[in-house]
């Protein structure tokens, strides 16, 4: 039986780069571009395509085991890839208590795409990188020979997959902004940009760990730092899966202004950050900034706003 090939998935690459006419930028002399990675593929959206495809090719037909929370875009994309390529997939989900509750729309989609879910307690989940814990998890799912993809999909292969994103933007913008969960997209993006360009990462989770993660990923992938990049920790809005009323209103307004669906957990925070950076003068007049749209709204309603 031949191995599945990702070439049959027909991605839209390079992804479109469009100009957005937005007075909040124009009044400060800043030009806004939207890098529509959300249009790469209907099921493997945005940076999930760039990060997952190298790992799926490395899996060579083996079961793929990966990790995520209840609303994980990464789990959903991995499940879709498994369906499209005929690869068995298993998702290890944070939160053992979720096993006895109805599945949310995101996890329901995973199951419909053929992913087996295994719910684990939060203590075990935090220790998933420990070789003994990982071995026990693989034994429990009967997949000791599985190909393991880390939470969020960020590893050296994923970083190399995201280098092309930077290359697609060479000469097109002065600054490139991207929302960050585990750092793999920023690590690769910065490496692919030209020397006179810089990348800004907008973390969506707390802890202040992202810069160290990006440095570690670049060390693993390239043997050292690459590109000019920074992170701005101010726009987490309370952490992952939190959508305060202010952020929800901002996302709805952006959708109306530009006719583009705005994913709330990552993309909305990055776009909000750019508006704030422009208003405070951190992006000088004459700057062209490209916002990487790394994802699209998932199945079912967006996470509810919280105050």
C-alpha atoms as a PDB file:
ATOM      1  CA  UNK A   1       0.000   0.000   0.000  1.00  0.00           C
ATOM      2  CA  UNK A   2       1.565   3.336  -1.008  1.00  0.00           C
ATOM      3  CA  UNK A   3       2.329   5.931   1.641  1.00  0.00           C
ATOM      4  CA  UNK A   4      -0.013   8.939   1.762  1.00  0.00           C
ATOM      5  CA  UNK A   5       1.344  12.063   0.140  1.00  0.00           C
ATOM      6  CA  UNK A   6       0.561  15.650   1.096  1.00  0.00           C
ATOM      7  CA  UNK A   7       0.991  16.761  -2.531  1.00  0.00           C
ATOM      8  CA  UNK A   8      -2.544  15.533  -3.237  1.00  0.00           C
ATOM      9  CA  UNK A   9      -4.019  18.097  -0.835  1.00  0.00           C
ATOM     10  CA  UNK A  10      -3.495  20.998  -3.285  1.00  0.00           C
ATOM     11  CA  UNK A  11      -2.662  23.914  -1.011  1.00  0.00           C
ATOM     12  CA  UNK A  12      -3.024  27.528  -2.130  1.00  0.00           C
ATOM     13  CA  UNK A  13       0.589  28.646  -1.933  1.00  0.00           C
ATOM     14  CA  UNK A  14       1.898  31.240  -1.692  1.00  0.00           C
ATOM     15  CA  UNK A  15      -1.056  32.436   0.342  1.00  0.00           C
ATOM     16  CA  UNK A  16      -2.676  35.725  -0.761  1.00  0.00           C
ATOM     17  CA  UNK A  17      -1.284  39.052   0.433  1.00  0.00           C
ATOM     18  CA  UNK A  18      -3.903  41.806   0.341  1.00  0.00           C
ATOM     19  CA  UNK A  19      -3.923  45.452   1.363  1.00  0.00           C
ATOM     20  CA  UNK A  20      -6.408  46.537   4.023  1.00  0.00           C
ATOM     21  CA  UNK A  21      -7.717  50.095   3.895  1.00  0.00           C
ATOM     22  CA  UNK A  22      -7.998  50.913   7.609  1.00  0.00           C
ATOM     23  CA  UNK A  23      -8.116  54.482   8.894  1.00  0.00           C
ATOM     24  CA  UNK A  24      -6.623  53.469  12.248  1.00  0.00           C
ATOM     25  CA  UNK A  25      -3.384  52.730  10.390  1.00  0.00           C
ATOM     26  CA  UNK A  26      -3.652  55.274   7.570  1.00  0.00           C
ATOM     27  CA  UNK A  27      -3.941  58.262   9.911  1.00  0.00           C
ATOM     28  CA  UNK A  28      -0.512  57.332  11.313  1.00  0.00           C
ATOM     29  CA  UNK A  29       1.033  56.802   7.889  1.00  0.00           C
ATOM     30  CA  UNK A  30       1.205  53.017   8.310  1.00  0.00           C
ATOM     31  CA  UNK A  31       0.189  50.590   5.566  1.00  0.00           C
ATOM     32  CA  UNK A  32      -1.546  47.356   6.618  1.00  0.00           C
ATOM     33  CA  UNK A  33      -1.301  44.110   4.645  1.00  0.00           C
ATOM     34  CA  UNK A  34      -3.090  40.870   5.465  1.00  0.00           C
ATOM     35  CA  UNK A  35      -1.191  37.646   4.798  1.00  0.00           C
ATOM     36  CA  UNK A  36      -4.113  35.266   4.322  1.00  0.00           C
ATOM     37  CA  UNK A  37      -2.678  31.972   5.481  1.00  0.00           C
ATOM     38  CA  UNK A  38      -6.240  31.094   6.497  1.00  0.00           C
ATOM     39  CA  UNK A  39      -6.874  30.483   2.782  1.00  0.00           C
ATOM     40  CA  UNK A  40      -4.112  27.904   2.251  1.00  0.00           C
ATOM     41  CA  UNK A  41      -6.416  24.919   2.681  1.00  0.00           C
ATOM     42  CA  UNK A  42     -10.002  24.591   3.961  1.00  0.00           C
ATOM     43  CA  UNK A  43      -9.099  21.895   6.512  1.00  0.00           C
ATOM     44  CA  UNK A  44      -5.407  22.544   7.241  1.00  0.00           C
ATOM     45  CA  UNK A  45      -5.686  26.250   7.851  1.00  0.00           C
ATOM     46  CA  UNK A  46      -2.821  28.709   8.069  1.00  0.00           C
ATOM     47  CA  UNK A  47       0.221  27.860  10.105  1.00  0.00           C
ATOM     48  CA  UNK A  48      -1.225  24.399  10.718  1.00  0.00           C
ATOM     49  CA  UNK A  49      -0.453  23.544   7.095  1.00  0.00           C
ATOM     50  CA  UNK A  50       3.067  24.919   7.338  1.00  0.00           C
ATOM     51  CA  UNK A  51       3.812  23.152  10.626  1.00  0.00           C
ATOM     52  CA  UNK A  52       1.982  19.867  10.134  1.00  0.00           C
ATOM     53  CA  UNK A  53       2.913  18.907   6.595  1.00  0.00           C
ATOM     54  CA  UNK A  54       6.637  18.292   7.289  1.00  0.00           C
ATOM     55  CA  UNK A  55       5.668  16.157  10.283  1.00  0.00           C
ATOM     56  CA  UNK A  56       3.040  14.198   8.374  1.00  0.00           C
ATOM     57  CA  UNK A  57       5.602  13.403   5.717  1.00  0.00           C
ATOM     58  CA  UNK A  58       8.032  12.266   8.419  1.00  0.00           C
ATOM     59  CA  UNK A  59       5.348  10.018   9.968  1.00  0.00           C
ATOM     60  CA  UNK A  60       5.433   7.844   6.831  1.00  0.00           C
ATOM     61  CA  UNK A  61       2.047   6.260   7.411  1.00  0.00           C
ATOM     62  CA  UNK A  62       2.382   5.636  11.159  1.00  0.00           C
ATOM     63  CA  UNK A  63      -0.270   6.611  13.677  1.00  0.00           C
ATOM     64  CA  UNK A  64       0.147  10.249  14.683  1.00  0.00           C
ATOM     65  CA  UNK A  65      -0.210  11.070  18.382  1.00  0.00           C
ATOM     66  CA  UNK A  66      -0.441  14.685  19.466  1.00  0.00           C
ATOM     67  CA  UNK A  67      -1.665  16.891  22.315  1.00  0.00           C
ATOM     68  CA  UNK A  68      -3.977  19.809  22.981  1.00  0.00           C
ATOM     69  CA  UNK A  69      -6.709  21.408  25.026  1.00  0.00           C
ATOM     70  CA  UNK A  70     -10.440  21.244  24.528  1.00  0.00           C
ATOM     71  CA  UNK A  71     -10.441  24.028  21.892  1.00  0.00           C
ATOM     72  CA  UNK A  72      -7.150  23.147  20.229  1.00  0.00           C
ATOM     73  CA  UNK A  73      -6.884  24.247  16.603  1.00  0.00           C
ATOM     74  CA  UNK A  74      -3.894  21.935  16.350  1.00  0.00           C
ATOM     75  CA  UNK A  75      -5.886  18.848  17.345  1.00  0.00           C
ATOM     76  CA  UNK A  76      -8.583  19.730  14.852  1.00  0.00           C
ATOM     77  CA  UNK A  77      -6.089  20.224  12.025  1.00  0.00           C
ATOM     78  CA  UNK A  78      -4.273  16.972  12.834  1.00  0.00           C
ATOM     79  CA  UNK A  79      -7.548  15.070  12.804  1.00  0.00           C
ATOM     80  CA  UNK A  80      -8.485  16.594   9.446  1.00  0.00           C
ATOM     81  CA  UNK A  81      -5.084  15.695   8.027  1.00  0.00           C
ATOM     82  CA  UNK A  82      -5.547  12.129   9.208  1.00  0.00           C
ATOM     83  CA  UNK A  83      -8.891  11.911   7.415  1.00  0.00           C
ATOM     84  CA  UNK A  84      -7.537  13.396   4.211  1.00  0.00           C
ATOM     85  CA  UNK A  85      -4.408  11.239   4.125  1.00  0.00           C
ATOM     86  CA  UNK A  86      -5.769   8.050   5.652  1.00  0.00           C
ATOM     87  CA  UNK A  87      -3.524   8.323   8.726  1.00  0.00           C
ATOM     88  CA  UNK A  88      -4.727   7.103  12.136  1.00  0.00           C
ATOM     89  CA  UNK A  89      -4.613   9.932  14.694  1.00  0.00           C
ATOM     90  CA  UNK A  90      -4.871  10.077  18.465  1.00  0.00           C
ATOM     91  CA  UNK A  91      -5.373  13.274  20.425  1.00  0.00           C
ATOM     92  CA  UNK A  92      -4.293  13.409  24.070  1.00  0.00           C
ATOM     93  CA  UNK A  93      -6.582  16.041  25.608  1.00  0.00           C
ATOM     94  CA  UNK A  94      -5.809  18.083  28.732  1.00  0.00           C
ATOM     95  CA  UNK A  95      -8.462  17.586  31.417  1.00  0.00           C
ATOM     96  CA  UNK A  96      -9.587  14.126  32.544  1.00  0.00           C
ATOM     97  CA  UNK A  97     -12.877  15.606  33.763  1.00  0.00           C
ATOM     98  CA  UNK A  98     -13.849  16.307  30.133  1.00  0.00           C
ATOM     99  CA  UNK A  99     -14.218  12.583  29.458  1.00  0.00           C
ATOM    100  CA  UNK A 100     -17.615  12.549  31.189  1.00  0.00           C
ATOM    101  CA  UNK A 101     -18.958  15.696  29.508  1.00  0.00           C
ATOM    102  CA  UNK A 102     -20.505  16.214  26.073  1.00  0.00           C
ATOM    103  CA  UNK A 103     -17.849  17.038  23.494  1.00  0.00           C
ATOM    104  CA  UNK A 104     -17.600  20.667  22.433  1.00  0.00           C
ATOM    105  CA  UNK A 105     -17.874  21.443  18.680  1.00  0.00           C
ATOM    106  CA  UNK A 106     -14.077  21.420  18.232  1.00  0.00           C
ATOM    107  CA  UNK A 107     -13.577  17.966  19.766  1.00  0.00           C
ATOM    108  CA  UNK A 108     -16.692  16.693  18.010  1.00  0.00           C
ATOM    109  CA  UNK A 109     -15.093  17.627  14.696  1.00  0.00           C
ATOM    110  CA  UNK A 110     -11.939  15.752  15.717  1.00  0.00           C
ATOM    111  CA  UNK A 111     -13.929  12.591  16.385  1.00  0.00           C
ATOM    112  CA  UNK A 112     -15.862  12.913  13.129  1.00  0.00           C
ATOM    113  CA  UNK A 113     -12.543  13.118  11.318  1.00  0.00           C
ATOM    114  CA  UNK A 114     -11.517   9.820  12.877  1.00  0.00           C
ATOM    115  CA  UNK A 115      -9.320  10.967  15.757  1.00  0.00           C
ATOM    116  CA  UNK A 116      -9.339   8.852  18.894  1.00  0.00           C
ATOM    117  CA  UNK A 117      -9.365  11.034  21.992  1.00  0.00           C
ATOM    118  CA  UNK A 118      -7.695  10.179  25.271  1.00  0.00           C
ATOM    119  CA  UNK A 119      -8.363  12.511  28.182  1.00  0.00           C
ATOM    120  CA  UNK A 120      -5.670  12.801  30.856  1.00  0.00           C
ATOM    121  CA  UNK A 121      -5.495  14.658  34.133  1.00  0.00           C
ATOM    122  CA  UNK A 122      -3.758  18.019  34.120  1.00  0.00           C
ATOM    123  CA  UNK A 123      -0.803  16.839  36.196  1.00  0.00           C
ATOM    124  CA  UNK A 124      -0.024  14.057  33.719  1.00  0.00           C
ATOM    125  CA  UNK A 125      -0.517  16.460  30.825  1.00  0.00           C
ATOM    126  CA  UNK A 126       2.048  18.892  32.243  1.00  0.00           C
ATOM    127  CA  UNK A 127       4.571  16.031  32.351  1.00  0.00           C
ATOM    128  CA  UNK A 128       3.886  14.773  28.823  1.00  0.00           C
ATOM    129  CA  UNK A 129       7.453  15.593  27.727  1.00  0.00           C
ATOM    130  CA  UNK A 130       8.885  13.238  30.358  1.00  0.00           C
ATOM    131  CA  UNK A 131       9.991  10.086  28.463  1.00  0.00           C
ATOM    132  CA  UNK A 132       8.456   7.762  31.063  1.00  0.00           C
ATOM    133  CA  UNK A 133       5.104   9.590  31.033  1.00  0.00           C
ATOM    134  CA  UNK A 134       5.054   9.655  27.230  1.00  0.00           C
ATOM    135  CA  UNK A 135       5.884   5.948  27.111  1.00  0.00           C
ATOM    136  CA  UNK A 136       2.975   5.186  29.455  1.00  0.00           C
ATOM    137  CA  UNK A 137       0.615   7.258  27.307  1.00  0.00           C
ATOM    138  CA  UNK A 138       1.688   5.450  24.148  1.00  0.00           C
ATOM    139  CA  UNK A 139       1.310   2.079  25.865  1.00  0.00           C
ATOM    140  CA  UNK A 140      -2.177   3.047  27.059  1.00  0.00           C
ATOM    141  CA  UNK A 141      -3.250   3.849  23.503  1.00  0.00           C
ATOM    142  CA  UNK A 142      -1.535   0.819  21.983  1.00  0.00           C
ATOM    143  CA  UNK A 143       0.683   2.981  19.781  1.00  0.00           C
ATOM    144  CA  UNK A 144       4.244   2.513  21.004  1.00  0.00           C
ATOM    145  CA  UNK A 145       5.542   2.926  17.424  1.00  0.00           C
ATOM    146  CA  UNK A 146       3.501   6.102  16.793  1.00  0.00           C
ATOM    147  CA  UNK A 147       4.895   9.348  15.417  1.00  0.00           C
ATOM    148  CA  UNK A 148       4.579  11.970  18.166  1.00  0.00           C
ATOM    149  CA  UNK A 149       3.885  15.605  17.321  1.00  0.00           C
ATOM    150  CA  UNK A 150       4.183  18.050  20.258  1.00  0.00           C
ATOM    151  CA  UNK A 151       1.404  20.320  21.487  1.00  0.00           C
ATOM    152  CA  UNK A 152       0.846  23.109  18.971  1.00  0.00           C
ATOM    153  CA  UNK A 153       2.947  21.228  16.429  1.00  0.00           C
ATOM    154  CA  UNK A 154       6.134  23.188  17.170  1.00  0.00           C
ATOM    155  CA  UNK A 155       9.335  21.225  16.618  1.00  0.00           C
ATOM    156  CA  UNK A 156      12.353  21.661  14.303  1.00  0.00           C
ATOM    157  CA  UNK A 157      10.489  20.216  11.300  1.00  0.00           C
ATOM    158  CA  UNK A 158       7.619  22.652  11.876  1.00  0.00           C
ATOM    159  CA  UNK A 159      10.048  25.562  12.197  1.00  0.00           C
ATOM    160  CA  UNK A 160      11.593  24.701   8.835  1.00  0.00           C
ATOM    161  CA  UNK A 161       8.081  24.483   7.375  1.00  0.00           C
ATOM    162  CA  UNK A 162       7.370  28.057   8.518  1.00  0.00           C
ATOM    163  CA  UNK A 163      10.547  29.476   6.948  1.00  0.00           C
ATOM    164  CA  UNK A 164       8.697  29.644   3.626  1.00  0.00           C
ATOM    165  CA  UNK A 165       6.175  32.020   5.199  1.00  0.00           C
ATOM    166  CA  UNK A 166       8.993  34.492   5.787  1.00  0.00           C
ATOM    167  CA  UNK A 167      10.339  33.991   2.295  1.00  0.00           C
ATOM    168  CA  UNK A 168       6.912  34.731   0.806  1.00  0.00           C
ATOM    169  CA  UNK A 169       7.007  38.093   2.599  1.00  0.00           C
ATOM    170  CA  UNK A 170      10.547  39.115   1.649  1.00  0.00           C
ATOM    171  CA  UNK A 171      10.484  42.630   0.241  1.00  0.00           C
ATOM    172  CA  UNK A 172       6.757  43.011   0.892  1.00  0.00           C
ATOM    173  CA  UNK A 173       6.683  44.509   4.413  1.00  0.00           C
ATOM    174  CA  UNK A 174       8.957  46.145   6.969  1.00  0.00           C
ATOM    175  CA  UNK A 175       7.345  44.434   9.959  1.00  0.00           C
ATOM    176  CA  UNK A 176       5.475  41.125  10.126  1.00  0.00           C
ATOM    177  CA  UNK A 177       3.217  40.281  13.066  1.00  0.00           C
ATOM    178  CA  UNK A 178       1.993  36.852  14.096  1.00  0.00           C
ATOM    179  CA  UNK A 179       0.054  35.460  17.058  1.00  0.00           C
ATOM    180  CA  UNK A 180       1.963  32.842  19.048  1.00  0.00           C
ATOM    181  CA  UNK A 181       1.082  29.848  21.169  1.00  0.00           C
ATOM    182  CA  UNK A 182       4.150  27.607  21.192  1.00  0.00           C
ATOM    183  CA  UNK A 183       6.573  29.727  19.136  1.00  0.00           C
ATOM    184  CA  UNK A 184       7.227  27.542  16.111  1.00  0.00           C
ATOM    185  CA  UNK A 185       5.664  29.869  13.564  1.00  0.00           C
ATOM    186  CA  UNK A 186       7.590  32.913  14.837  1.00  0.00           C
ATOM    187  CA  UNK A 187      10.850  30.943  14.899  1.00  0.00           C
ATOM    188  CA  UNK A 188      10.517  29.920  11.258  1.00  0.00           C
ATOM    189  CA  UNK A 189       8.971  33.165  10.022  1.00  0.00           C
ATOM    190  CA  UNK A 190      11.827  35.274  11.408  1.00  0.00           C
ATOM    191  CA  UNK A 191      14.379  32.950   9.824  1.00  0.00           C
ATOM    192  CA  UNK A 192      12.793  33.362   6.394  1.00  0.00           C
ATOM    193  CA  UNK A 193      12.584  37.162   6.395  1.00  0.00           C
ATOM    194  CA  UNK A 194      15.194  39.430   4.802  1.00  0.00           C
ATOM    195  CA  UNK A 195      17.817  41.103   7.041  1.00  0.00           C
ATOM    196  CA  UNK A 196      16.024  44.477   6.879  1.00  0.00           C
ATOM    197  CA  UNK A 197      12.708  43.032   8.081  1.00  0.00           C
ATOM    198  CA  UNK A 198      11.609  42.174  11.610  1.00  0.00           C
ATOM    199  CA  UNK A 199       8.926  39.981  13.135  1.00  0.00           C
ATOM    200  CA  UNK A 200       6.714  40.662  16.139  1.00  0.00           C
ATOM    201  CA  UNK A 201       5.183  37.781  18.054  1.00  0.00           C
ATOM    202  CA  UNK A 202       1.994  38.326  20.082  1.00  0.00           C
ATOM    203  CA  UNK A 203       1.684  35.576  22.739  1.00  0.00           C
ATOM    204  CA  UNK A 204      -1.840  34.415  23.545  1.00  0.00           C
ATOM    205  CA  UNK A 205      -0.856  32.575  26.729  1.00  0.00           C
ATOM    206  CA  UNK A 206       0.871  33.825  29.846  1.00  0.00           C
ATOM    207  CA  UNK A 207       4.022  32.774  31.641  1.00  0.00           C
ATOM    208  CA  UNK A 208       6.616  34.840  29.814  1.00  0.00           C
ATOM    209  CA  UNK A 209       8.166  31.687  28.359  1.00  0.00           C
ATOM    210  CA  UNK A 210       7.682  32.343  24.656  1.00  0.00           C
ATOM    211  CA  UNK A 211      10.946  34.160  23.885  1.00  0.00           C
ATOM    212  CA  UNK A 212      12.938  31.329  25.441  1.00  0.00           C
ATOM    213  CA  UNK A 213      10.907  28.781  23.473  1.00  0.00           C
ATOM    214  CA  UNK A 214      11.578  30.579  20.187  1.00  0.00           C
ATOM    215  CA  UNK A 215      15.299  30.735  20.935  1.00  0.00           C
ATOM    216  CA  UNK A 216      15.328  27.022  21.803  1.00  0.00           C
ATOM    217  CA  UNK A 217      13.426  26.090  18.639  1.00  0.00           C
ATOM    218  CA  UNK A 218      15.809  28.113  16.464  1.00  0.00           C
ATOM    219  CA  UNK A 219      18.751  26.455  18.188  1.00  0.00           C
ATOM    220  CA  UNK A 220      17.304  23.013  17.434  1.00  0.00           C
ATOM    221  CA  UNK A 221      16.296  23.858  13.874  1.00  0.00           C
ATOM    222  CA  UNK A 222      19.240  25.989  12.720  1.00  0.00           C
ATOM    223  CA  UNK A 223      21.960  25.611  15.342  1.00  0.00           C
ATOM    224  CA  UNK A 224      21.535  29.224  16.498  1.00  0.00           C
ATOM    225  CA  UNK A 225      19.431  32.395  16.288  1.00  0.00           C
ATOM    226  CA  UNK A 226      17.979  33.559  12.990  1.00  0.00           C
ATOM    227  CA  UNK A 227      16.365  36.832  11.964  1.00  0.00           C
ATOM    228  CA  UNK A 228      15.224  39.841  13.948  1.00  0.00           C
ATOM    229  CA  UNK A 229      12.224  39.233  16.166  1.00  0.00           C
ATOM    230  CA  UNK A 230      10.620  40.270  19.438  1.00  0.00           C
ATOM    231  CA  UNK A 231       7.558  39.389  21.496  1.00  0.00           C
ATOM    232  CA  UNK A 232       5.001  41.698  23.090  1.00  0.00           C
ATOM    233  CA  UNK A 233       3.310  40.100  26.097  1.00  0.00           C
ATOM    234  CA  UNK A 234       0.689  42.812  26.679  1.00  0.00           C
ATOM    235  CA  UNK A 235      -2.196  41.451  24.652  1.00  0.00           C
ATOM    236  CA  UNK A 236      -3.091  38.103  26.234  1.00  0.00           C
ATOM    237  CA  UNK A 237      -6.509  39.324  27.453  1.00  0.00           C
ATOM    238  CA  UNK A 238      -6.365  37.015  30.449  1.00  0.00           C
ATOM    239  CA  UNK A 239      -4.864  34.011  28.685  1.00  0.00           C
ATOM    240  CA  UNK A 240      -5.739  31.321  26.199  1.00  0.00           C
ATOM    241  CA  UNK A 241      -9.414  30.810  25.317  1.00  0.00           C
ATOM    242  CA  UNK A 242     -10.345  34.084  27.064  1.00  0.00           C
ATOM    243  CA  UNK A 243     -12.357  36.452  24.880  1.00  0.00           C
ATOM    244  CA  UNK A 244     -13.292  39.531  26.923  1.00  0.00           C
ATOM    245  CA  UNK A 245     -16.077  41.764  25.706  1.00  0.00           C
ATOM    246  CA  UNK A 246     -13.578  44.359  24.450  1.00  0.00           C
ATOM    247  CA  UNK A 247     -11.771  41.816  22.284  1.00  0.00           C
ATOM    248  CA  UNK A 248     -15.003  40.308  20.947  1.00  0.00           C
ATOM    249  CA  UNK A 249     -16.232  43.771  19.951  1.00  0.00           C
ATOM    250  CA  UNK A 250     -12.913  44.547  18.289  1.00  0.00           C
ATOM    251  CA  UNK A 251     -13.048  41.313  16.265  1.00  0.00           C
ATOM    252  CA  UNK A 252     -16.621  41.975  15.138  1.00  0.00           C
ATOM    253  CA  UNK A 253     -15.679  45.505  14.077  1.00  0.00           C
ATOM    254  CA  UNK A 254     -12.657  44.228  12.100  1.00  0.00           C
ATOM    255  CA  UNK A 255     -14.864  41.688  10.346  1.00  0.00           C
ATOM    256  CA  UNK A 256     -17.283  44.418   9.311  1.00  0.00           C
ATOM    257  CA  UNK A 257     -14.500  46.731   8.147  1.00  0.00           C
ATOM    258  CA  UNK A 258     -12.687  44.159   6.028  1.00  0.00           C
ATOM    259  CA  UNK A 259     -15.128  41.363   5.243  1.00  0.00           C
ATOM    260  CA  UNK A 260     -12.831  38.760   6.775  1.00  0.00           C
ATOM    261  CA  UNK A 261     -13.793  36.270   9.504  1.00  0.00           C
ATOM    262  CA  UNK A 262     -11.577  36.821  12.545  1.00  0.00           C
ATOM    263  CA  UNK A 263     -10.543  33.860  14.683  1.00  0.00           C
ATOM    264  CA  UNK A 264     -10.815  34.993  18.318  1.00  0.00           C
ATOM    265  CA  UNK A 265      -8.178  33.039  20.268  1.00  0.00           C
ATOM    266  CA  UNK A 266      -5.143  34.035  18.200  1.00  0.00           C
ATOM    267  CA  UNK A 267      -5.803  36.315  15.261  1.00  0.00           C
ATOM    268  CA  UNK A 268      -7.988  38.845  17.083  1.00  0.00           C
ATOM    269  CA  UNK A 269      -5.311  39.413  19.732  1.00  0.00           C
ATOM    270  CA  UNK A 270      -2.625  39.953  17.097  1.00  0.00           C
ATOM    271  CA  UNK A 271      -4.758  42.449  15.153  1.00  0.00           C
ATOM    272  CA  UNK A 272      -5.684  44.275  18.364  1.00  0.00           C
ATOM    273  CA  UNK A 273      -1.983  44.477  19.228  1.00  0.00           C
ATOM    274  CA  UNK A 274      -1.170  46.052  15.869  1.00  0.00           C
ATOM    275  CA  UNK A 275      -3.819  48.751  16.295  1.00  0.00           C
ATOM    276  CA  UNK A 276      -2.408  49.505  19.745  1.00  0.00           C
ATOM    277  CA  UNK A 277       1.202  49.588  18.503  1.00  0.00           C
ATOM    278  CA  UNK A 278       0.299  52.018  15.749  1.00  0.00           C
ATOM    279  CA  UNK A 279      -1.673  54.299  18.071  1.00  0.00           C
ATOM    280  CA  UNK A 280       1.184  54.477  20.581  1.00  0.00           C
ATOM    281  CA  UNK A 281       3.733  55.284  17.870  1.00  0.00           C
ATOM    282  CA  UNK A 282       5.669  52.008  18.005  1.00  0.00           C
ATOM    283  CA  UNK A 283       5.268  51.644  14.231  1.00  0.00           C
ATOM    284  CA  UNK A 284       6.693  54.723  12.566  1.00  0.00           C
ATOM    285  CA  UNK A 285       5.030  56.597   9.687  1.00  0.00           C
ATOM    286  CA  UNK A 286       6.021  55.016   6.385  1.00  0.00           C
ATOM    287  CA  UNK A 287       6.045  51.498   7.837  1.00  0.00           C
ATOM    288  CA  UNK A 288       4.361  48.648   5.979  1.00  0.00           C
ATOM    289  CA  UNK A 289       3.178  45.965   8.384  1.00  0.00           C
ATOM    290  CA  UNK A 290       1.921  42.536   7.376  1.00  0.00           C
ATOM    291  CA  UNK A 291      -0.449  40.723   9.726  1.00  0.00           C
ATOM    292  CA  UNK A 292      -0.297  36.943   9.329  1.00  0.00           C
ATOM    293  CA  UNK A 293      -3.807  35.493   9.537  1.00  0.00           C
ATOM    294  CA  UNK A 294      -2.850  32.103  10.939  1.00  0.00           C
ATOM    295  CA  UNK A 295      -6.308  30.637  11.357  1.00  0.00           C
ATOM    296  CA  UNK A 296     -10.039  30.855  10.787  1.00  0.00           C
ATOM    297  CA  UNK A 297     -12.954  30.531  13.207  1.00  0.00           C
ATOM    298  CA  UNK A 298     -13.491  26.918  14.163  1.00  0.00           C
ATOM    299  CA  UNK A 299     -16.662  24.803  14.105  1.00  0.00           C
ATOM    300  CA  UNK A 300     -19.568  25.960  16.213  1.00  0.00           C
ATOM    301  CA  UNK A 301     -19.792  29.295  18.024  1.00  0.00           C
ATOM    302  CA  UNK A 302     -16.688  31.251  18.954  1.00  0.00           C
ATOM    303  CA  UNK A 303     -15.698  30.964  22.634  1.00  0.00           C
ATOM    304  CA  UNK A 304     -18.028  33.138  24.680  1.00  0.00           C
ATOM    305  CA  UNK A 305     -16.899  36.542  25.859  1.00  0.00           C
ATOM    306  CA  UNK A 306     -15.750  36.873  29.441  1.00  0.00           C
ATOM    307  CA  UNK A 307     -15.436  40.008  31.483  1.00  0.00           C
END
